[in-house]
Amino acid sequence: MADVYEIRLKEYLDHRWSSRFEGFALSHQTDGSTLLVGSIPDQAALHGVLIKVRDLGLTLVAVGRAEPEQGGGKNGEEMLGGVSPRGGSSG
């Protein structure tokens, strides 16, 4: 079963970037960043997307798993410093 992930990028990506991130919805945030939301089947595919972000020279701000029934919102797990916590204590 695929998980839905949110990937926040520092840069503003216009609609022309959609073909680079096929299967992801791009939305623009008020701070000028871009939020990619999409279904990723496994960890290997997630790493592939992150490698693409790196290879394109984009700045990764955060990655987090979203709850699919929340419509891609971040109500399930908080996005922190580029990783999504997995049930551990937050300190």
PDB file of N, CA and C in Angstrom:
ATOM      1  N   MET A   1       0.842  -1.186   0.000  1.00  0.00           N
ATOM      2  CA  MET A   1       0.000   0.000   0.000  1.00  0.00           C
ATOM      3  C   MET A   1       0.885   1.247   0.000  1.00  0.00           C
ATOM      4  N   ALA A   2       0.603   2.164  -0.878  1.00  0.00           N
ATOM      5  CA  ALA A   2       1.388   3.387  -1.000  1.00  0.00           C
ATOM      6  C   ALA A   2       0.996   4.398   0.070  1.00  0.00           C
ATOM      7  N   ASP A   3       1.985   5.135   0.526  1.00  0.00           N
ATOM      8  CA  ASP A   3       1.749   6.224   1.472  1.00  0.00           C
ATOM      9  C   ASP A   3       1.731   7.541   0.719  1.00  0.00           C
ATOM     10  N   VAL A   4       1.019   8.504   1.262  1.00  0.00           N
ATOM     11  CA  VAL A   4       0.997   9.851   0.693  1.00  0.00           C
ATOM     12  C   VAL A   4       2.036  10.679   1.437  1.00  0.00           C
ATOM     13  N   TYR A   5       2.885  11.342   0.679  1.00  0.00           N
ATOM     14  CA  TYR A   5       3.953  12.164   1.258  1.00  0.00           C
ATOM     15  C   TYR A   5       3.795  13.616   0.845  1.00  0.00           C
ATOM     16  N   GLU A   6       4.235  14.485   1.733  1.00  0.00           N
ATOM     17  CA  GLU A   6       4.358  15.915   1.452  1.00  0.00           C
ATOM     18  C   GLU A   6       5.847  16.232   1.415  1.00  0.00           C
ATOM     19  N   ILE A   7       6.258  16.906   0.360  1.00  0.00           N
ATOM     20  CA  ILE A   7       7.647  17.321   0.212  1.00  0.00           C
ATOM     21  C   ILE A   7       7.639  18.827  -0.003  1.00  0.00           C
ATOM     22  N   ARG A   8       8.237  19.546   0.929  1.00  0.00           N
ATOM     23  CA  ARG A   8       8.259  21.014   0.835  1.00  0.00           C
ATOM     24  C   ARG A   8       9.611  21.460   0.299  1.00  0.00           C
ATOM     25  N   LEU A   9       9.550  22.303  -0.747  1.00  0.00           N
ATOM     26  CA  LEU A   9      10.745  22.849  -1.376  1.00  0.00           C
ATOM     27  C   LEU A   9      10.788  24.360  -1.167  1.00  0.00           C
ATOM     28  N   LYS A  10      11.970  24.901  -0.977  1.00  0.00           N
ATOM     29  CA  LYS A  10      12.123  26.331  -0.725  1.00  0.00           C
ATOM     30  C   LYS A  10      11.694  27.166  -1.932  1.00  0.00           C
ATOM     31  N   GLU A  11      11.961  26.656  -3.108  1.00  0.00           N
ATOM     32  CA  GLU A  11      11.714  27.410  -4.329  1.00  0.00           C
ATOM     33  C   GLU A  11      10.231  27.406  -4.743  1.00  0.00           C
ATOM     34  N   TYR A  12       9.855  28.452  -5.452  1.00  0.00           N
ATOM     35  CA  TYR A  12       8.529  28.535  -6.072  1.00  0.00           C
ATOM     36  C   TYR A  12       8.622  27.827  -7.417  1.00  0.00           C
ATOM     37  N   LEU A  13       7.893  26.744  -7.589  1.00  0.00           N
ATOM     38  CA  LEU A  13       7.896  26.005  -8.850  1.00  0.00           C
ATOM     39  C   LEU A  13       6.596  26.278  -9.589  1.00  0.00           C
ATOM     40  N   ASP A  14       6.695  26.804 -10.796  1.00  0.00           N
ATOM     41  CA  ASP A  14       5.472  27.066 -11.552  1.00  0.00           C
ATOM     42  C   ASP A  14       4.987  25.776 -12.221  1.00  0.00           C
ATOM     43  N   HIS A  15       3.883  25.883 -12.952  1.00  0.00           N
ATOM     44  CA  HIS A  15       3.226  24.708 -13.533  1.00  0.00           C
ATOM     45  C   HIS A  15       4.123  23.913 -14.483  1.00  0.00           C
ATOM     46  N   ARG A  16       5.155  24.545 -15.044  1.00  0.00           N
ATOM     47  CA  ARG A  16       6.046  23.845 -15.974  1.00  0.00           C
ATOM     48  C   ARG A  16       6.832  22.728 -15.290  1.00  0.00           C
ATOM     49  N   TRP A  17       6.943  22.773 -13.981  1.00  0.00           N
ATOM     50  CA  TRP A  17       7.662  21.738 -13.234  1.00  0.00           C
ATOM     51  C   TRP A  17       6.819  20.481 -13.036  1.00  0.00           C
ATOM     52  N   SER A  18       5.537  20.541 -13.329  1.00  0.00           N
ATOM     53  CA  SER A  18       4.646  19.399 -13.103  1.00  0.00           C
ATOM     54  C   SER A  18       5.138  18.137 -13.806  1.00  0.00           C
ATOM     55  N   SER A  19       5.684  18.280 -14.997  1.00  0.00           N
ATOM     56  CA  SER A  19       6.158  17.108 -15.737  1.00  0.00           C
ATOM     57  C   SER A  19       7.366  16.457 -15.055  1.00  0.00           C
ATOM     58  N   ARG A  20       8.131  17.221 -14.302  1.00  0.00           N
ATOM     59  CA  ARG A  20       9.285  16.672 -13.575  1.00  0.00           C
ATOM     60  C   ARG A  20       8.849  15.857 -12.361  1.00  0.00           C
ATOM     61  N   PHE A  21       7.668  16.197 -11.835  1.00  0.00           N
ATOM     62  CA  PHE A  21       7.159  15.515 -10.645  1.00  0.00           C
ATOM     63  C   PHE A  21       5.797  14.908 -10.944  1.00  0.00           C
ATOM     64  N   GLU A  22       5.773  14.064 -11.958  1.00  0.00           N
ATOM     65  CA  GLU A  22       4.532  13.425 -12.387  1.00  0.00           C
ATOM     66  C   GLU A  22       3.933  12.615 -11.239  1.00  0.00           C
ATOM     67  N   GLY A  23       2.636  12.759 -11.057  1.00  0.00           N
ATOM     68  CA  GLY A  23       1.948  12.054  -9.988  1.00  0.00           C
ATOM     69  C   GLY A  23       1.849  12.858  -8.703  1.00  0.00           C
ATOM     70  N   PHE A  24       2.465  14.048  -8.690  1.00  0.00           N
ATOM     71  CA  PHE A  24       2.415  14.911  -7.513  1.00  0.00           C
ATOM     72  C   PHE A  24       1.597  16.152  -7.815  1.00  0.00           C
ATOM     73  N   ALA A  25       0.851  16.591  -6.825  1.00  0.00           N
ATOM     74  CA  ALA A  25       0.152  17.875  -6.920  1.00  0.00           C
ATOM     75  C   ALA A  25       1.104  18.940  -6.387  1.00  0.00           C
ATOM     76  N   LEU A  26       1.253  20.037  -7.130  1.00  0.00           N
ATOM     77  CA  LEU A  26       2.078  21.154  -6.701  1.00  0.00           C
ATOM     78  C   LEU A  26       1.175  22.248  -6.175  1.00  0.00           C
ATOM     79  N   SER A  27       1.491  22.754  -4.995  1.00  0.00           N
ATOM     80  CA  SER A  27       0.748  23.906  -4.479  1.00  0.00           C
ATOM     81  C   SER A  27       1.744  24.910  -3.930  1.00  0.00           C
ATOM     82  N   HIS A  28       1.382  26.170  -4.043  1.00  0.00           N
ATOM     83  CA  HIS A  28       2.263  27.250  -3.616  1.00  0.00           C
ATOM     84  C   HIS A  28       1.847  27.743  -2.244  1.00  0.00           C
ATOM     85  N   GLN A  29       2.834  27.923  -1.394  1.00  0.00           N
ATOM     86  CA  GLN A  29       2.606  28.353  -0.023  1.00  0.00           C
ATOM     87  C   GLN A  29       2.813  29.864   0.084  1.00  0.00           C
ATOM     88  N   THR A  30       2.272  30.470   1.123  1.00  0.00           N
ATOM     89  CA  THR A  30       2.349  31.921   1.285  1.00  0.00           C
ATOM     90  C   THR A  30       3.778  32.409   1.492  1.00  0.00           C
ATOM     91  N   ASP A  31       4.676  31.523   1.944  1.00  0.00           N
ATOM     92  CA  ASP A  31       6.070  31.917   2.150  1.00  0.00           C
ATOM     93  C   ASP A  31       6.916  31.799   0.888  1.00  0.00           C
ATOM     94  N   GLY A  32       6.292  31.447  -0.243  1.00  0.00           N
ATOM     95  CA  GLY A  32       7.003  31.337  -1.508  1.00  0.00           C
ATOM     96  C   GLY A  32       7.520  29.936  -1.797  1.00  0.00           C
ATOM     97  N   SER A  33       7.323  29.023  -0.871  1.00  0.00           N
ATOM     98  CA  SER A  33       7.771  27.649  -1.087  1.00  0.00           C
ATOM     99  C   SER A  33       6.725  26.876  -1.889  1.00  0.00           C
ATOM    100  N   THR A  34       7.098  25.669  -2.284  1.00  0.00           N
ATOM    101  CA  THR A  34       6.203  24.793  -3.031  1.00  0.00           C
ATOM    102  C   THR A  34       6.016  23.505  -2.249  1.00  0.00           C
ATOM    103  N   LEU A  35       4.787  23.033  -2.187  1.00  0.00           N
ATOM    104  CA  LEU A  35       4.476  21.774  -1.522  1.00  0.00           C
ATOM    105  C   LEU A  35       4.084  20.759  -2.589  1.00  0.00           C
ATOM    106  N   LEU A  36       4.812  19.638  -2.615  1.00  0.00           N
ATOM    107  CA  LEU A  36       4.485  18.527  -3.494  1.00  0.00           C
ATOM    108  C   LEU A  36       3.767  17.488  -2.654  1.00  0.00           C
ATOM    109  N   VAL A  37       2.637  17.011  -3.121  1.00  0.00           N
ATOM    110  CA  VAL A  37       1.891  15.977  -2.408  1.00  0.00           C
ATOM    111  C   VAL A  37       1.597  14.860  -3.399  1.00  0.00           C
ATOM    112  N   GLY A  38       1.975  13.644  -3.011  1.00  0.00           N
ATOM    113  CA  GLY A  38       1.727  12.530  -3.907  1.00  0.00           C
ATOM    114  C   GLY A  38       1.902  11.191  -3.227  1.00  0.00           C
ATOM    115  N   SER A  39       1.412  10.172  -3.887  1.00  0.00           N
ATOM    116  CA  SER A  39       1.479   8.809  -3.391  1.00  0.00           C
ATOM    117  C   SER A  39       2.809   8.184  -3.814  1.00  0.00           C
ATOM    118  N   ILE A  40       3.508   7.578  -2.840  1.00  0.00           N
ATOM    119  CA  ILE A  40       4.795   6.949  -3.104  1.00  0.00           C
ATOM    120  C   ILE A  40       4.700   5.511  -2.606  1.00  0.00           C
ATOM    121  N   PRO A  41       4.955   4.536  -3.474  1.00  0.00           N
ATOM    122  CA  PRO A  41       4.702   3.137  -3.126  1.00  0.00           C
ATOM    123  C   PRO A  41       5.640   2.528  -2.085  1.00  0.00           C
ATOM    124  N   ASP A  42       6.892   2.996  -2.032  1.00  0.00           N
ATOM    125  CA  ASP A  42       7.833   2.385  -1.091  1.00  0.00           C
ATOM    126  C   ASP A  42       9.014   3.326  -0.851  1.00  0.00           C
ATOM    127  N   GLN A  43       9.905   2.916   0.049  1.00  0.00           N
ATOM    128  CA  GLN A  43      11.047   3.751   0.415  1.00  0.00           C
ATOM    129  C   GLN A  43      11.986   3.976  -0.763  1.00  0.00           C
ATOM    130  N   ALA A  44      12.150   2.990  -1.628  1.00  0.00           N
ATOM    131  CA  ALA A  44      13.017   3.158  -2.797  1.00  0.00           C
ATOM    132  C   ALA A  44      12.486   4.274  -3.700  1.00  0.00           C
ATOM    133  N   ALA A  45      11.178   4.320  -3.881  1.00  0.00           N
ATOM    134  CA  ALA A  45      10.581   5.374  -4.711  1.00  0.00           C
ATOM    135  C   ALA A  45      10.725   6.736  -4.039  1.00  0.00           C
ATOM    136  N   LEU A  46      10.591   6.788  -2.711  1.00  0.00           N
ATOM    137  CA  LEU A  46      10.785   8.035  -1.987  1.00  0.00           C
ATOM    138  C   LEU A  46      12.210   8.545  -2.179  1.00  0.00           C
ATOM    139  N   HIS A  47      13.167   7.660  -2.053  1.00  0.00           N
ATOM    140  CA  HIS A  47      14.562   8.050  -2.263  1.00  0.00           C
ATOM    141  C   HIS A  47      14.780   8.532  -3.696  1.00  0.00           C
ATOM    142  N   GLY A  48      14.098   7.922  -4.643  1.00  0.00           N
ATOM    143  CA  GLY A  48      14.199   8.364  -6.033  1.00  0.00           C
ATOM    144  C   GLY A  48      13.714   9.795  -6.218  1.00  0.00           C
ATOM    145  N   VAL A  49      12.606  10.135  -5.562  1.00  0.00           N
ATOM    146  CA  VAL A  49      12.084  11.506  -5.646  1.00  0.00           C
ATOM    147  C   VAL A  49      13.063  12.478  -4.995  1.00  0.00           C
ATOM    148  N   LEU A  50      13.619  12.097  -3.852  1.00  0.00           N
ATOM    149  CA  LEU A  50      14.564  12.971  -3.160  1.00  0.00           C
ATOM    150  C   LEU A  50      15.846  13.162  -3.974  1.00  0.00           C
ATOM    151  N   ILE A  51      16.280  12.126  -4.672  1.00  0.00           N
ATOM    152  CA  ILE A  51      17.446  12.250  -5.557  1.00  0.00           C
ATOM    153  C   ILE A  51      17.137  13.206  -6.695  1.00  0.00           C
ATOM    154  N   LYS A  52      15.915  13.135  -7.221  1.00  0.00           N
ATOM    155  CA  LYS A  52      15.513  14.053  -8.292  1.00  0.00           C
ATOM    156  C   LYS A  52      15.549  15.501  -7.800  1.00  0.00           C
ATOM    157  N   VAL A  53      15.044  15.732  -6.583  1.00  0.00           N
ATOM    158  CA  VAL A  53      15.076  17.068  -5.990  1.00  0.00           C
ATOM    159  C   VAL A  53      16.524  17.557  -5.923  1.00  0.00           C
ATOM    160  N   ARG A  54      17.406  16.707  -5.428  1.00  0.00           N
ATOM    161  CA  ARG A  54      18.831  17.056  -5.333  1.00  0.00           C
ATOM    162  C   ARG A  54      19.432  17.339  -6.704  1.00  0.00           C
ATOM    163  N   ASP A  55      19.182  16.453  -7.668  1.00  0.00           N
ATOM    164  CA  ASP A  55      19.768  16.594  -8.997  1.00  0.00           C
ATOM    165  C   ASP A  55      19.292  17.848  -9.719  1.00  0.00           C
ATOM    166  N   LEU A  56      18.090  18.302  -9.405  1.00  0.00           N
ATOM    167  CA  LEU A  56      17.557  19.526 -10.009  1.00  0.00           C
ATOM    168  C   LEU A  56      18.049  20.778  -9.293  1.00  0.00           C
ATOM    169  N   GLY A  57      18.811  20.604  -8.219  1.00  0.00           N
ATOM    170  CA  GLY A  57      19.358  21.740  -7.488  1.00  0.00           C
ATOM    171  C   GLY A  57      18.336  22.469  -6.634  1.00  0.00           C
ATOM    172  N   LEU A  58      17.272  21.765  -6.248  1.00  0.00           N
ATOM    173  CA  LEU A  58      16.230  22.381  -5.433  1.00  0.00           C
ATOM    174  C   LEU A  58      16.559  22.218  -3.955  1.00  0.00           C
ATOM    175  N   THR A  59      16.034  23.117  -3.134  1.00  0.00           N
ATOM    176  CA  THR A  59      16.297  23.098  -1.710  1.00  0.00           C
ATOM    177  C   THR A  59      15.175  22.382  -0.971  1.00  0.00           C
ATOM    178  N   LEU A  60      15.506  21.257  -0.367  1.00  0.00           N
ATOM    179  CA  LEU A  60      14.547  20.475   0.400  1.00  0.00           C
ATOM    180  C   LEU A  60      14.373  21.111   1.774  1.00  0.00           C
ATOM    181  N   VAL A  61      13.131  21.426   2.129  1.00  0.00           N
ATOM    182  CA  VAL A  61      12.840  22.016   3.435  1.00  0.00           C
ATOM    183  C   VAL A  61      12.343  20.946   4.399  1.00  0.00           C
ATOM    184  N   ALA A  62      11.408  20.103   3.936  1.00  0.00           N
ATOM    185  CA  ALA A  62      10.846  19.083   4.823  1.00  0.00           C
ATOM    186  C   ALA A  62      10.210  17.964   4.015  1.00  0.00           C
ATOM    187  N   VAL A  63      10.169  16.791   4.638  1.00  0.00           N
ATOM    188  CA  VAL A  63       9.496  15.628   4.074  1.00  0.00           C
ATOM    189  C   VAL A  63       8.651  15.024   5.185  1.00  0.00           C
ATOM    190  N   GLY A  64       7.426  14.675   4.867  1.00  0.00           N
ATOM    191  CA  GLY A  64       6.589  14.048   5.878  1.00  0.00           C
ATOM    192  C   GLY A  64       5.535  13.171   5.255  1.00  0.00           C
ATOM    193  N   ARG A  65       5.159  12.141   5.987  1.00  0.00           N
ATOM    194  CA  ARG A  65       4.077  11.269   5.531  1.00  0.00           C
ATOM    195  C   ARG A  65       2.763  11.882   5.965  1.00  0.00           C
ATOM    196  N   ALA A  66       1.844  11.971   5.038  1.00  0.00           N
ATOM    197  CA  ALA A  66       0.514  12.512   5.316  1.00  0.00           C
ATOM    198  C   ALA A  66      -0.479  11.376   5.379  1.00  0.00           C
ATOM    199  N   GLU A  67      -1.564  11.597   6.089  1.00  0.00           N
ATOM    200  CA  GLU A  67      -2.639  10.616   6.141  1.00  0.00           C
ATOM    201  C   GLU A  67      -3.502  10.786   4.897  1.00  0.00           C
ATOM    202  N   PRO A  68      -3.651   9.739   4.057  1.00  0.00           N
ATOM    203  CA  PRO A  68      -4.408   9.859   2.809  1.00  0.00           C
ATOM    204  C   PRO A  68      -5.835  10.369   3.005  1.00  0.00           C
ATOM    205  N   GLU A  69      -6.516   9.952   4.058  1.00  0.00           N
ATOM    206  CA  GLU A  69      -7.892  10.382   4.264  1.00  0.00           C
ATOM    207  C   GLU A  69      -7.994  11.837   4.694  1.00  0.00           C
ATOM    208  N   GLN A  70      -6.877  12.483   4.984  1.00  0.00           N
ATOM    209  CA  GLN A  70      -6.868  13.895   5.350  1.00  0.00           C
ATOM    210  C   GLN A  70      -6.694  14.788   4.122  1.00  0.00           C
ATOM    211  N   GLY A  71      -6.705  14.209   2.930  1.00  0.00           N
ATOM    212  CA  GLY A  71      -6.592  14.997   1.710  1.00  0.00           C
ATOM    213  C   GLY A  71      -5.204  15.582   1.514  1.00  0.00           C
ATOM    214  N   GLY A  72      -4.174  14.889   2.015  1.00  0.00           N
ATOM    215  CA  GLY A  72      -2.819  15.360   1.800  1.00  0.00           C
ATOM    216  C   GLY A  72      -2.361  16.372   2.823  1.00  0.00           C
ATOM    217  N   GLY A  73      -3.185  16.624   3.855  1.00  0.00           N
ATOM    218  CA  GLY A  73      -2.779  17.561   4.890  1.00  0.00           C
ATOM    219  C   GLY A  73      -1.729  16.947   5.779  1.00  0.00           C
ATOM    220  N   LYS A  74      -1.168  17.729   6.666  1.00  0.00           N
ATOM    221  CA  LYS A  74      -0.128  17.194   7.527  1.00  0.00           C
ATOM    222  C   LYS A  74      -0.663  16.894   8.922  1.00  0.00           C
ATOM    223  N   ASN A  75      -1.913  16.460   9.008  1.00  0.00           N
ATOM    224  CA  ASN A  75      -2.514  16.169  10.298  1.00  0.00           C
ATOM    225  C   ASN A  75      -2.010  14.872  10.909  1.00  0.00           C
ATOM    226  N   GLY A  76      -1.451  13.981  10.119  1.00  0.00           N
ATOM    227  CA  GLY A  76      -0.996  12.706  10.639  1.00  0.00           C
ATOM    228  C   GLY A  76       0.327  12.815  11.351  1.00  0.00           C
ATOM    229  N   GLU A  77       1.357  13.222  10.675  1.00  0.00           N
ATOM    230  CA  GLU A  77       2.674  13.334  11.260  1.00  0.00           C
ATOM    231  C   GLU A  77       3.236  14.701  10.913  1.00  0.00           C
ATOM    232  N   GLU A  78       3.892  15.292  11.857  1.00  0.00           N
ATOM    233  CA  GLU A  78       4.463  16.612  11.677  1.00  0.00           C
ATOM    234  C   GLU A  78       5.710  16.525  10.809  1.00  0.00           C
ATOM    235  N   MET A  79       5.905  17.523   9.946  1.00  0.00           N
ATOM    236  CA  MET A  79       7.097  17.581   9.125  1.00  0.00           C
ATOM    237  C   MET A  79       8.160  18.358   9.896  1.00  0.00           C
ATOM    238  N   LEU A  80       9.294  17.725  10.143  1.00  0.00           N
ATOM    239  CA  LEU A  80      10.354  18.348  10.921  1.00  0.00           C
ATOM    240  C   LEU A  80      11.694  18.172  10.244  1.00  0.00           C
ATOM    241  N   GLY A  81      12.398  19.252  10.012  1.00  0.00           N
ATOM    242  CA  GLY A  81      13.775  19.221   9.560  1.00  0.00           C
ATOM    243  C   GLY A  81      14.109  18.191   8.504  1.00  0.00           C
ATOM    244  N   GLY A  82      13.210  17.954   7.565  1.00  0.00           N
ATOM    245  CA  GLY A  82      13.492  17.049   6.479  1.00  0.00           C
ATOM    246  C   GLY A  82      13.154  15.588   6.746  1.00  0.00           C
ATOM    247  N   VAL A  83      12.673  15.235   7.928  1.00  0.00           N
ATOM    248  CA  VAL A  83      12.289  13.855   8.181  1.00  0.00           C
ATOM    249  C   VAL A  83      10.969  13.800   8.925  1.00  0.00           C
ATOM    250  N   SER A  84      10.276  12.716   8.765  1.00  0.00           N
ATOM    251  CA  SER A  84       9.013  12.511   9.447  1.00  0.00           C
ATOM    252  C   SER A  84       9.253  11.607  10.635  1.00  0.00           C
ATOM    253  N   PRO A  85       8.852  12.038  11.835  1.00  0.00           N
ATOM    254  CA  PRO A  85       9.053  11.194  13.007  1.00  0.00           C
ATOM    255  C   PRO A  85       8.250   9.901  12.896  1.00  0.00           C
ATOM    256  N   ARG A  86       8.767   8.829  13.444  1.00  0.00           N
ATOM    257  CA  ARG A  86       8.117   7.525  13.356  1.00  0.00           C
ATOM    258  C   ARG A  86       7.774   6.981  14.736  1.00  0.00           C
ATOM    259  N   GLY A  87       6.983   7.732  15.490  1.00  0.00           N
ATOM    260  CA  GLY A  87       6.500   7.211  16.748  1.00  0.00           C
ATOM    261  C   GLY A  87       7.469   7.319  17.904  1.00  0.00           C
ATOM    262  N   GLY A  88       8.655   7.886  17.690  1.00  0.00           N
ATOM    263  CA  GLY A  88       9.597   8.053  18.785  1.00  0.00           C
ATOM    264  C   GLY A  88       9.256   9.287  19.595  1.00  0.00           C
ATOM    265  N   SER A  89       9.896   9.421  20.733  1.00  0.00           N
ATOM    266  CA  SER A  89       9.650  10.611  21.555  1.00  0.00           C
ATOM    267  C   SER A  89      10.276  11.824  20.906  1.00  0.00           C
ATOM    268  N   SER A  90       9.654  12.976  21.091  1.00  0.00           N
ATOM    269  CA  SER A  90      10.139  14.187  20.463  1.00  0.00           C
ATOM    270  C   SER A  90      11.091  14.956  21.365  1.00  0.00           C
ATOM    271  N   GLY A  91      11.516  14.368  22.452  1.00  0.00           N
ATOM    272  CA  GLY A  91      12.553  14.976  23.232  1.00  0.00           C
ATOM    273  C   GLY A  91      12.088  15.381  24.538  1.00  0.00           C
TER     274      GLY A  91
END
